[in-house]
Amino acid sequence: MTKEEVLTKICDMVADQFSVNRDKVNGKLNFQNDLDADSIDFVEFVLSLENEFGAEISDEAAEKIQTIDEAADFVIANADNK
């Protein structure tokens, strides 16, 4: 998958999981600051990423993911190519 394809899929997931209008979701959004994600919301999202892309995301790696772009970069670097 290209970064654009991964980013589109993650933006769709974010819109659904965080109940945000898809038109407002982009790679620059910060999970905590822009989406008001608490730790439980974020853990659920990380689990969704793992299931969707086949990526193993350690707690340490998850702590470094702040934005949707960073989530896409991690997925591209670590996911099974679906």
C-alpha atoms as a PDB file:
ATOM      1  CA  MET A   1       0.000   0.000   0.000  1.00  0.00           C
ATOM      2  CA  THR A   2       1.125   3.537  -0.667  1.00  0.00           C
ATOM      3  CA  LYS A   3       1.283   6.124   2.094  1.00  0.00           C
ATOM      4  CA  GLU A   4      -1.730   7.844   0.547  1.00  0.00           C
ATOM      5  CA  GLU A   5      -3.761   4.604   0.691  1.00  0.00           C
ATOM      6  CA  VAL A   6      -2.721   3.946   4.292  1.00  0.00           C
ATOM      7  CA  LEU A   7      -3.437   7.543   5.290  1.00  0.00           C
ATOM      8  CA  THR A   8      -6.884   7.443   3.672  1.00  0.00           C
ATOM      9  CA  LYS A   9      -7.753   4.210   5.460  1.00  0.00           C
ATOM     10  CA  ILE A  10      -6.511   5.543   8.814  1.00  0.00           C
ATOM     11  CA  CYS A  11      -8.455   8.804   8.349  1.00  0.00           C
ATOM     12  CA  ASP A  12     -11.589   6.762   7.661  1.00  0.00           C
ATOM     13  CA  MET A  13     -10.931   4.733  10.820  1.00  0.00           C
ATOM     14  CA  VAL A  14     -10.397   7.888  12.889  1.00  0.00           C
ATOM     15  CA  ALA A  15     -13.592   9.484  11.582  1.00  0.00           C
ATOM     16  CA  ASP A  16     -15.544   6.367  12.503  1.00  0.00           C
ATOM     17  CA  GLN A  17     -13.904   5.613  15.832  1.00  0.00           C
ATOM     18  CA  PHE A  18     -13.800   9.192  17.136  1.00  0.00           C
ATOM     19  CA  SER A  19     -17.135  10.272  15.596  1.00  0.00           C
ATOM     20  CA  VAL A  20     -15.565  13.094  13.613  1.00  0.00           C
ATOM     21  CA  ASN A  21     -16.740  14.394  10.246  1.00  0.00           C
ATOM     22  CA  ARG A  22     -14.477  12.692   7.671  1.00  0.00           C
ATOM     23  CA  ASP A  23     -13.948  16.002   5.862  1.00  0.00           C
ATOM     24  CA  LYS A  24     -12.215  17.372   8.957  1.00  0.00           C
ATOM     25  CA  VAL A  25      -9.816  14.449   9.376  1.00  0.00           C
ATOM     26  CA  ASN A  26      -6.303  14.848   7.977  1.00  0.00           C
ATOM     27  CA  GLY A  27      -2.786  13.662   8.710  1.00  0.00           C
ATOM     28  CA  LYS A  28      -1.914  16.633  10.894  1.00  0.00           C
ATOM     29  CA  LEU A  29      -4.563  15.925  13.530  1.00  0.00           C
ATOM     30  CA  ASN A  30      -3.165  15.167  16.954  1.00  0.00           C
ATOM     31  CA  PHE A  31      -4.991  12.384  18.783  1.00  0.00           C
ATOM     32  CA  GLN A  32      -4.870  14.047  22.179  1.00  0.00           C
ATOM     33  CA  ASN A  33      -5.078  17.749  21.308  1.00  0.00           C
ATOM     34  CA  ASP A  34      -7.393  17.717  18.291  1.00  0.00           C
ATOM     35  CA  LEU A  35      -9.471  14.588  18.867  1.00  0.00           C
ATOM     36  CA  ASP A  36      -9.599  14.718  22.676  1.00  0.00           C
ATOM     37  CA  ALA A  37      -8.624  11.046  22.788  1.00  0.00           C
ATOM     38  CA  ASP A  38      -8.116   9.729  26.275  1.00  0.00           C
ATOM     39  CA  SER A  39      -5.853   6.758  26.946  1.00  0.00           C
ATOM     40  CA  ILE A  40      -8.655   4.216  26.498  1.00  0.00           C
ATOM     41  CA  ASP A  41      -9.732   5.772  23.176  1.00  0.00           C
ATOM     42  CA  PHE A  42      -6.153   5.675  21.951  1.00  0.00           C
ATOM     43  CA  VAL A  43      -5.550   2.071  23.044  1.00  0.00           C
ATOM     44  CA  GLU A  44      -8.706   1.018  21.201  1.00  0.00           C
ATOM     45  CA  PHE A  45      -7.483   2.856  18.116  1.00  0.00           C
ATOM     46  CA  VAL A  46      -4.061   1.187  18.316  1.00  0.00           C
ATOM     47  CA  LEU A  47      -5.773  -2.208  18.526  1.00  0.00           C
ATOM     48  CA  SER A  48      -7.803  -1.285  15.440  1.00  0.00           C
ATOM     49  CA  LEU A  49      -4.596  -0.378  13.600  1.00  0.00           C
ATOM     50  CA  GLU A  50      -3.037  -3.699  14.554  1.00  0.00           C
ATOM     51  CA  ASN A  51      -6.083  -5.608  13.328  1.00  0.00           C
ATOM     52  CA  GLU A  52      -6.473  -3.628  10.109  1.00  0.00           C
ATOM     53  CA  PHE A  53      -2.849  -3.590   9.010  1.00  0.00           C
ATOM     54  CA  GLY A  54      -1.293  -6.594  10.757  1.00  0.00           C
ATOM     55  CA  ALA A  55       1.188  -4.385  12.605  1.00  0.00           C
ATOM     56  CA  GLU A  56       2.499  -5.160  16.059  1.00  0.00           C
ATOM     57  CA  ILE A  57       2.529  -1.894  18.010  1.00  0.00           C
ATOM     58  CA  SER A  58       4.372  -1.994  21.327  1.00  0.00           C
ATOM     59  CA  ASP A  59       3.359   0.298  24.170  1.00  0.00           C
ATOM     60  CA  GLU A  60       6.597   2.247  23.674  1.00  0.00           C
ATOM     61  CA  ALA A  61       5.912   2.706  19.948  1.00  0.00           C
ATOM     62  CA  ALA A  62       2.292   3.712  20.598  1.00  0.00           C
ATOM     63  CA  GLU A  63       3.420   6.434  23.005  1.00  0.00           C
ATOM     64  CA  LYS A  64       5.415   8.031  20.175  1.00  0.00           C
ATOM     65  CA  ILE A  65       2.415   8.205  17.826  1.00  0.00           C
ATOM     66  CA  GLN A  66       0.928  11.652  18.257  1.00  0.00           C
ATOM     67  CA  THR A  67      -0.650  12.410  14.868  1.00  0.00           C
ATOM     68  CA  ILE A  68      -2.447  10.554  12.109  1.00  0.00           C
ATOM     69  CA  ASP A  69       0.612  11.049   9.849  1.00  0.00           C
ATOM     70  CA  GLU A  70       2.807   9.386  12.471  1.00  0.00           C
ATOM     71  CA  ALA A  71       0.362   6.475  12.683  1.00  0.00           C
ATOM     72  CA  ALA A  72       0.513   6.095   8.884  1.00  0.00           C
ATOM     73  CA  ASP A  73       4.323   6.216   8.890  1.00  0.00           C
ATOM     74  CA  PHE A  74       4.442   3.533  11.585  1.00  0.00           C
ATOM     75  CA  VAL A  75       2.030   1.307   9.695  1.00  0.00           C
ATOM     76  CA  ILE A  76       3.997   1.624   6.466  1.00  0.00           C
ATOM     77  CA  ALA A  77       7.247   0.758   8.231  1.00  0.00           C
ATOM     78  CA  ASN A  78       5.857  -2.140  10.276  1.00  0.00           C
ATOM     79  CA  ALA A  79       2.696  -3.637   8.762  1.00  0.00           C
ATOM     80  CA  ASP A  80       2.152  -6.732   6.719  1.00  0.00           C
ATOM     81  CA  ASN A  81       1.538  -5.631   3.153  1.00  0.00           C
ATOM     82  CA  LYS A  82      -2.153  -6.282   2.564  1.00  0.00           C
END
